[in-house]
Amino acid sequence: MTVGEAKKSNSAATSDVWGNFDTDSGSPGFSLRTTFPTNPDGVEVMLERWAAGTEEPPHTHPGDDMTIVVEGKISTQFYRREGETLVAEGERIILNKGDVGYTSAGQIHDAKYLEVCQLVYVHNGAFAFLPAKLEVG
């Protein structure tokens, strides 16, 4: 996957998180997407709490994801691979209470929890944490 392909899903308009909804004939105008593994086309949803000062090293996930910041402040950096090194892509992104962040499937990123955080995390399909295992350049 190229960086350009990875960046295509960094919004609500393009993220796979917002696909595969089912309509409810009993409630016109309402559709929903249930959770994985009950629904193989579903999403995994997690409520997360992170202590201030903690962080996740560069990693990827197999599906698009969406993070909603309920409380706190986080930062994330996207990276690209250059040989055996990770190179920062763009500026570090800061998400505050009420912000929503999107990350594409396979996009290398980190996360730093600048304050105590409560998050709603939605992952397209089955969740997995895949460490990048490369040095940041």
Protein backbone atom coordinates (compact mmCIF):
# COMPACT_ATOMS: atom_id res chain seq x y z
CA MET A 1 0.00 0.00 0.00
CA THR A 2 1.34 3.40 -0.96
CA VAL A 3 1.13 6.43 1.35
CA GLY A 4 -1.41 7.97 -1.04
CA GLU A 5 -3.59 4.88 -0.85
CA ALA A 6 -3.29 4.80 2.94
CA LYS A 7 -4.35 8.44 3.26
CA LYS A 8 -7.52 7.97 1.22
CA SER A 9 -9.51 6.84 4.26
CA ASN A 10 -8.68 9.57 6.75
CA SER A 11 -12.21 10.98 6.91
CA ALA A 12 -15.78 9.95 7.64
CA ALA A 13 -16.58 10.29 3.94
CA THR A 14 -14.09 7.63 2.85
CA SER A 15 -13.37 5.35 5.85
CA ASP A 16 -14.53 1.73 5.64
CA VAL A 17 -15.77 2.11 9.25
CA TRP A 18 -18.86 3.79 7.76
CA GLY A 19 -19.66 0.98 5.25
CA ASN A 20 -21.76 -2.20 5.28
CA PHE A 21 -24.78 -0.77 7.11
CA ASP A 22 -28.03 -2.72 7.21
CA THR A 23 -31.42 -1.01 6.97
CA ASP A 24 -34.17 -1.67 9.49
CA SER A 25 -37.53 -1.97 7.69
CA GLY A 26 -39.36 -1.31 10.97
CA SER A 27 -37.63 2.06 11.40
CA PRO A 28 -37.56 4.07 8.16
CA GLY A 29 -34.43 6.19 7.84
CA PHE A 30 -32.51 4.08 10.37
CA SER A 31 -29.60 1.77 9.52
CA LEU A 32 -26.96 0.14 11.67
CA ARG A 33 -23.79 -1.86 11.61
CA THR A 34 -23.45 -4.45 14.32
CA THR A 35 -20.30 -5.78 15.87
CA PHE A 36 -17.75 -8.37 14.88
CA PRO A 37 -17.58 -11.42 15.33
CA THR A 38 -21.39 -11.78 15.50
CA ASN A 39 -21.53 -9.96 12.17
CA PRO A 40 -18.60 -10.93 9.89
CA ASP A 41 -19.05 -7.59 8.08
CA GLY A 42 -19.20 -5.73 11.39
CA VAL A 43 -16.96 -3.52 13.45
CA GLU A 44 -15.21 -3.97 16.77
CA VAL A 45 -15.92 -1.23 19.27
CA MET A 46 -13.83 -0.60 22.37
CA LEU A 47 -14.04 1.86 25.21
CA GLU A 48 -10.48 2.76 26.16
CA ARG A 49 -8.87 4.57 29.08
CA TRP A 50 -5.25 5.71 28.93
CA ALA A 51 -3.11 7.26 31.66
CA ALA A 52 -1.45 10.60 30.93
CA GLY A 53 2.12 10.17 29.67
CA THR A 54 1.58 6.70 28.21
CA GLU A 55 2.09 5.92 24.53
CA GLU A 56 1.81 3.31 21.82
CA PRO A 57 4.84 2.73 19.55
CA PRO A 58 4.50 2.90 15.76
CA HIS A 59 2.06 0.22 14.59
CA THR A 60 -0.70 -0.59 12.12
CA HIS A 61 -4.13 -2.21 12.16
CA PRO A 62 -5.63 -4.49 9.48
CA GLY A 63 -8.74 -2.30 8.99
CA ASP A 64 -9.67 1.36 8.96
CA ASP A 65 -10.33 2.81 12.39
CA MET A 66 -11.98 5.77 14.03
CA THR A 67 -11.13 7.25 17.44
CA ILE A 68 -13.52 9.57 19.26
CA VAL A 69 -11.97 11.51 22.15
CA VAL A 70 -14.53 11.61 24.96
CA GLU A 71 -12.12 13.07 27.52
CA GLY A 72 -8.48 14.14 27.35
CA LYS A 73 -5.92 14.96 24.67
CA ILE A 74 -3.86 12.67 22.42
CA SER A 75 -1.38 13.12 19.62
CA THR A 76 -0.62 10.84 16.73
CA GLN A 77 2.05 10.81 14.04
CA PHE A 78 1.77 9.03 10.69
CA TYR A 79 4.88 7.40 9.19
CA ARG A 80 6.08 5.90 5.93
CA ARG A 81 8.68 3.18 5.48
CA GLU A 82 11.98 4.04 3.84
CA GLY A 83 14.02 0.84 3.82
CA GLU A 84 14.41 -0.17 7.47
CA THR A 85 13.49 3.28 8.80
CA LEU A 86 10.23 5.06 9.60
CA VAL A 87 9.98 8.66 8.38
CA ALA A 88 7.36 11.05 9.78
CA GLU A 89 4.59 12.01 7.34
CA GLY A 90 3.32 15.53 7.92
CA GLU A 91 2.85 17.22 11.27
CA ARG A 92 1.87 15.47 14.50
CA ILE A 93 -1.93 15.56 14.87
CA ILE A 94 -3.50 16.65 18.17
CA LEU A 95 -6.97 15.39 19.10
CA ASN A 96 -8.86 17.04 21.96
CA LYS A 97 -12.13 16.21 23.71
CA GLY A 98 -14.85 15.98 21.06
CA ASP A 99 -12.46 15.39 18.14
CA VAL A 100 -12.61 12.38 15.84
CA GLY A 101 -9.55 10.87 14.15
CA TYR A 102 -9.37 8.38 11.30
CA THR A 103 -6.55 6.02 10.39
CA SER A 104 -6.51 3.88 7.23
CA ALA A 105 -5.85 0.16 7.21
CA GLY A 106 -2.11 -0.49 7.14
CA GLN A 107 -1.15 3.12 7.86
CA ILE A 108 1.77 3.25 10.31
CA HIS A 109 1.09 5.57 13.24
CA ASP A 110 1.83 6.07 16.93
CA ALA A 111 -0.25 7.51 19.77
CA LYS A 112 0.78 9.60 22.77
CA TYR A 113 -1.70 10.26 25.55
CA LEU A 114 -0.97 13.81 26.69
CA GLU A 115 -3.74 13.82 29.33
CA VAL A 116 -5.86 11.12 30.95
CA CYS A 117 -8.00 9.89 28.04
CA GLN A 118 -11.30 8.16 27.54
CA LEU A 119 -11.86 7.07 23.95
CA VAL A 120 -14.41 5.29 21.82
CA TYR A 121 -12.46 3.22 19.30
CA VAL A 122 -14.16 1.66 16.26
CA HIS A 123 -12.26 -0.79 14.03
CA ASN A 124 -13.47 -2.06 10.66
CA GLY A 125 -13.64 -5.86 11.10
CA ALA A 126 -11.51 -7.81 13.57
CA PHE A 127 -9.04 -5.71 15.58
CA ALA A 128 -5.30 -6.43 15.67
CA PHE A 129 -2.27 -4.42 16.83
CA LEU A 130 0.68 -4.95 14.46
CA PRO A 131 3.97 -3.38 15.69
CA ALA A 132 5.99 -1.64 12.97
CA LYS A 133 9.30 -3.07 14.37
CA LEU A 134 11.38 -0.37 12.64
CA GLU A 135 13.45 2.50 13.99
CA VAL A 136 12.10 6.03 13.63
CA GLY A 137 14.51 8.15 11.59
